[in-house]
C-alpha atoms as a PDB file:
ATOM      1  CA  MET A   1      11.259  -1.169  30.891  1.00  0.00           C
ATOM      2  CA  ALA A   2      11.724   2.045  28.890  1.00  0.00           C
ATOM      3  CA  HIS A   3      12.778   0.010  25.869  1.00  0.00           C
ATOM      4  CA  ASP A   4       9.538  -1.982  26.009  1.00  0.00           C
ATOM      5  CA  THR A   5       7.473   1.205  26.221  1.00  0.00           C
ATOM      6  CA  ALA A   6       9.300   2.745  23.258  1.00  0.00           C
ATOM      7  CA  THR A   7       8.945  -0.439  21.226  1.00  0.00           C
ATOM      8  CA  THR A   8       5.240  -0.613  22.031  1.00  0.00           C
ATOM      9  CA  SER A   9       4.758   3.043  21.071  1.00  0.00           C
ATOM     10  CA  ILE A  10       6.550   2.523  17.761  1.00  0.00           C
ATOM     11  CA  ALA A  11       4.559  -0.627  17.027  1.00  0.00           C
ATOM     12  CA  THR A  12       1.322   1.203  17.824  1.00  0.00           C
ATOM     13  CA  GLY A  13       2.363   4.079  15.562  1.00  0.00           C
ATOM     14  CA  ILE A  14       3.122   1.699  12.700  1.00  0.00           C
ATOM     15  CA  ILE A  15      -0.256   0.010  13.107  1.00  0.00           C
ATOM     16  CA  VAL A  16      -2.102   3.346  13.158  1.00  0.00           C
ATOM     17  CA  VAL A  17      -0.275   4.726  10.103  1.00  0.00           C
ATOM     18  CA  LYS A  18      -0.565   1.486   8.116  1.00  0.00           C
ATOM     19  CA  THR A  19      -4.292   1.342   8.923  1.00  0.00           C
ATOM     20  CA  GLY A  20      -4.668   4.899   7.613  1.00  0.00           C
ATOM     21  CA  ILE A  21      -2.774   3.955   4.449  1.00  0.00           C
ATOM     22  CA  LEU A  22      -5.007   0.919   4.008  1.00  0.00           C
ATOM     23  CA  VAL A  23      -8.188   2.992   4.395  1.00  0.00           C
ATOM     24  CA  LEU A  24      -7.089   5.869   2.140  1.00  0.00           C
ATOM     25  CA  GLY A  25      -5.409   3.622  -0.414  1.00  0.00           C
ATOM     26  CA  GLY A  26      -8.462   1.399  -0.448  1.00  0.00           C
ATOM     27  CA  LEU A  27     -10.715   4.394  -1.070  1.00  0.00           C
ATOM     28  CA  ILE A  28      -8.508   5.691  -3.900  1.00  0.00           C
ATOM     29  CA  THR A  29      -8.433   2.215  -5.441  1.00  0.00           C
ATOM     30  CA  TYR A  30     -12.204   1.841  -5.094  1.00  0.00           C
ATOM     31  CA  PHE A  31     -13.005   5.218  -6.658  1.00  0.00           C
ATOM     32  CA  SER A  32     -10.492   4.659  -9.469  1.00  0.00           C
ATOM     33  CA  TRP A  33     -12.034   1.257 -10.186  1.00  0.00           C
ATOM     34  CA  LYS A  34     -15.525   2.748 -10.028  1.00  0.00           C
ATOM     35  CA  ALA A  35     -14.492   5.418 -12.558  1.00  0.00           C
ATOM     36  CA  TYR A  36     -13.019   2.711 -14.797  1.00  0.00           C
ATOM     37  CA  ARG A  37     -16.260   0.712 -14.658  1.00  0.00           C
ATOM     38  CA  LYS A  38     -18.231   3.808 -15.580  1.00  0.00           C
ATOM     39  CA  THR A  39     -16.000   4.889 -18.479  1.00  0.00           C
ATOM     40  CA  GLY A  40     -14.293   1.676 -19.559  1.00  0.00           C
ATOM     41  CA  THR A  41     -11.014   3.583 -19.920  1.00  0.00           C
ATOM     42  CA  GLY A  42      -7.942   1.381 -19.725  1.00  0.00           C
ATOM     43  CA  ALA A  43      -5.934   4.185 -18.119  1.00  0.00           C
ATOM     44  CA  LEU A  44      -8.323   4.282 -15.164  1.00  0.00           C
ATOM     45  CA  ARG A  45      -8.091   0.499 -14.845  1.00  0.00           C
ATOM     46  CA  ALA A  46      -4.293   0.781 -14.708  1.00  0.00           C
ATOM     47  CA  LEU A  47      -4.574   3.631 -12.193  1.00  0.00           C
ATOM     48  CA  ALA A  48      -6.790   1.522  -9.920  1.00  0.00           C
ATOM     49  CA  LEU A  49      -4.430  -1.432 -10.251  1.00  0.00           C
ATOM     50  CA  GLY A  50      -1.403   0.749  -9.446  1.00  0.00           C
ATOM     51  CA  PHE A  51      -2.964   2.216  -6.320  1.00  0.00           C
ATOM     52  CA  GLY A  52      -4.124  -1.252  -5.293  1.00  0.00           C
ATOM     53  CA  ILE A  53      -0.558  -2.570  -5.576  1.00  0.00           C
ATOM     54  CA  VAL A  54       0.872   0.350  -3.576  1.00  0.00           C
ATOM     55  CA  THR A  55      -1.786  -0.158  -0.888  1.00  0.00           C
ATOM     56  CA  LEU A  56      -1.137  -3.896  -0.770  1.00  0.00           C
ATOM     57  CA  GLY A  57       2.598  -3.225  -0.424  1.00  0.00           C
ATOM     58  CA  ALA A  58       2.042  -0.896   2.507  1.00  0.00           C
ATOM     59  CA  LEU A  59      -0.242  -3.419   4.168  1.00  0.00           C
ATOM     60  CA  LEU A  60       2.082  -6.378   3.678  1.00  0.00           C
ATOM     61  CA  GLY A  61       5.241  -4.463   4.506  1.00  0.00           C
ATOM     62  CA  GLY A  62       3.766  -3.156   7.728  1.00  0.00           C
ATOM     63  CA  THR A  63       2.256  -6.397   8.927  1.00  0.00           C
ATOM     64  CA  MET A  64       4.671  -9.118   7.807  1.00  0.00           C
ATOM     65  CA  ASP A  65       6.873  -8.726  10.873  1.00  0.00           C
ATOM     66  CA  PHE A  66       3.917  -8.543  13.279  1.00  0.00           C
ATOM     67  CA  ILE A  67       1.842 -11.384  11.843  1.00  0.00           C
ATOM     68  CA  LEU A  68       4.329 -13.758  10.218  1.00  0.00           C
ATOM     69  CA  GLY A  69       7.434 -12.978  12.228  1.00  0.00           C
ATOM     70  CA  VAL A  70       9.375 -11.852   9.139  1.00  0.00           C
ATOM     71  CA  ASN A  71      12.198  -9.487  10.062  1.00  0.00           C
ATOM     72  CA  LEU A  72      11.562  -5.770   9.637  1.00  0.00           C
ATOM     73  CA  ALA A  73      14.083  -5.345   6.802  1.00  0.00           C
ATOM     74  CA  THR A  74      12.280  -7.988   4.720  1.00  0.00           C
ATOM     75  CA  GLY A  75       8.957  -6.257   5.358  1.00  0.00           C
ATOM     76  CA  ILE A  76      10.422  -2.942   4.250  1.00  0.00           C
ATOM     77  CA  LEU A  77      11.837  -4.582   1.117  1.00  0.00           C
ATOM     78  CA  ILE A  78       8.436  -6.102   0.243  1.00  0.00           C
ATOM     79  CA  ASP A  79       6.810  -2.694   0.773  1.00  0.00           C
ATOM     80  CA  ALA A  80       9.435  -0.989  -1.418  1.00  0.00           C
ATOM     81  CA  ILE A  81       9.138  -3.526  -4.250  1.00  0.00           C
ATOM     82  CA  LEU A  82       5.347  -3.307  -4.371  1.00  0.00           C
ATOM     83  CA  THR A  83       5.468   0.495  -4.120  1.00  0.00           C
ATOM     84  CA  PHE A  84       7.911   0.579  -7.047  1.00  0.00           C
ATOM     85  CA  VAL A  85       5.716  -1.724  -9.154  1.00  0.00           C
ATOM     86  CA  GLY A  86       2.567   0.202  -8.208  1.00  0.00           C
ATOM     87  CA  PHE A  87       4.129   3.540  -9.114  1.00  0.00           C
ATOM     88  CA  ALA A  88       5.304   2.073 -12.433  1.00  0.00           C
ATOM     89  CA  VAL A  89       1.707   1.036 -13.196  1.00  0.00           C
ATOM     90  CA  ILE A  90       0.407   4.462 -12.115  1.00  0.00           C
ATOM     91  CA  THR A  91       2.987   6.151 -14.360  1.00  0.00           C
ATOM     92  CA  TYR A  92       1.879   3.932 -17.237  1.00  0.00           C
ATOM     93  CA  SER A  93      -1.745   4.917 -16.559  1.00  0.00           C
ATOM     94  CA  LEU A  94      -0.849   8.586 -17.000  1.00  0.00           C
ATOM     95  CA  TYR A  95       0.524   7.913 -20.489  1.00  0.00           C
ATOM     96  CA  ALA A  96      -2.041   5.334 -21.651  1.00  0.00           C
ATOM     97  CA  ASP A  97      -4.790   6.394 -24.015  1.00  0.00           C
END
């Protein structure tokens, strides 16, 4: 019984944190995209894309095991890959003209 309670608490914690990441990441992506639309700057477009990828990775990585039954390690790998790609795009955006 204690194992079930701990597992439920961890699952609830993951859902809460991933929801927070989705909300904050979505807001950062939205405001970056809005700034890009206002200025037309390619760097801001890349910044919005990078944050969108990182946010998508967090969402997919956190929900793949719950929704699709993918094992946790695969979900973490998907999250890590998309975070890596997103950070690469964000880094590019900091050097783009």
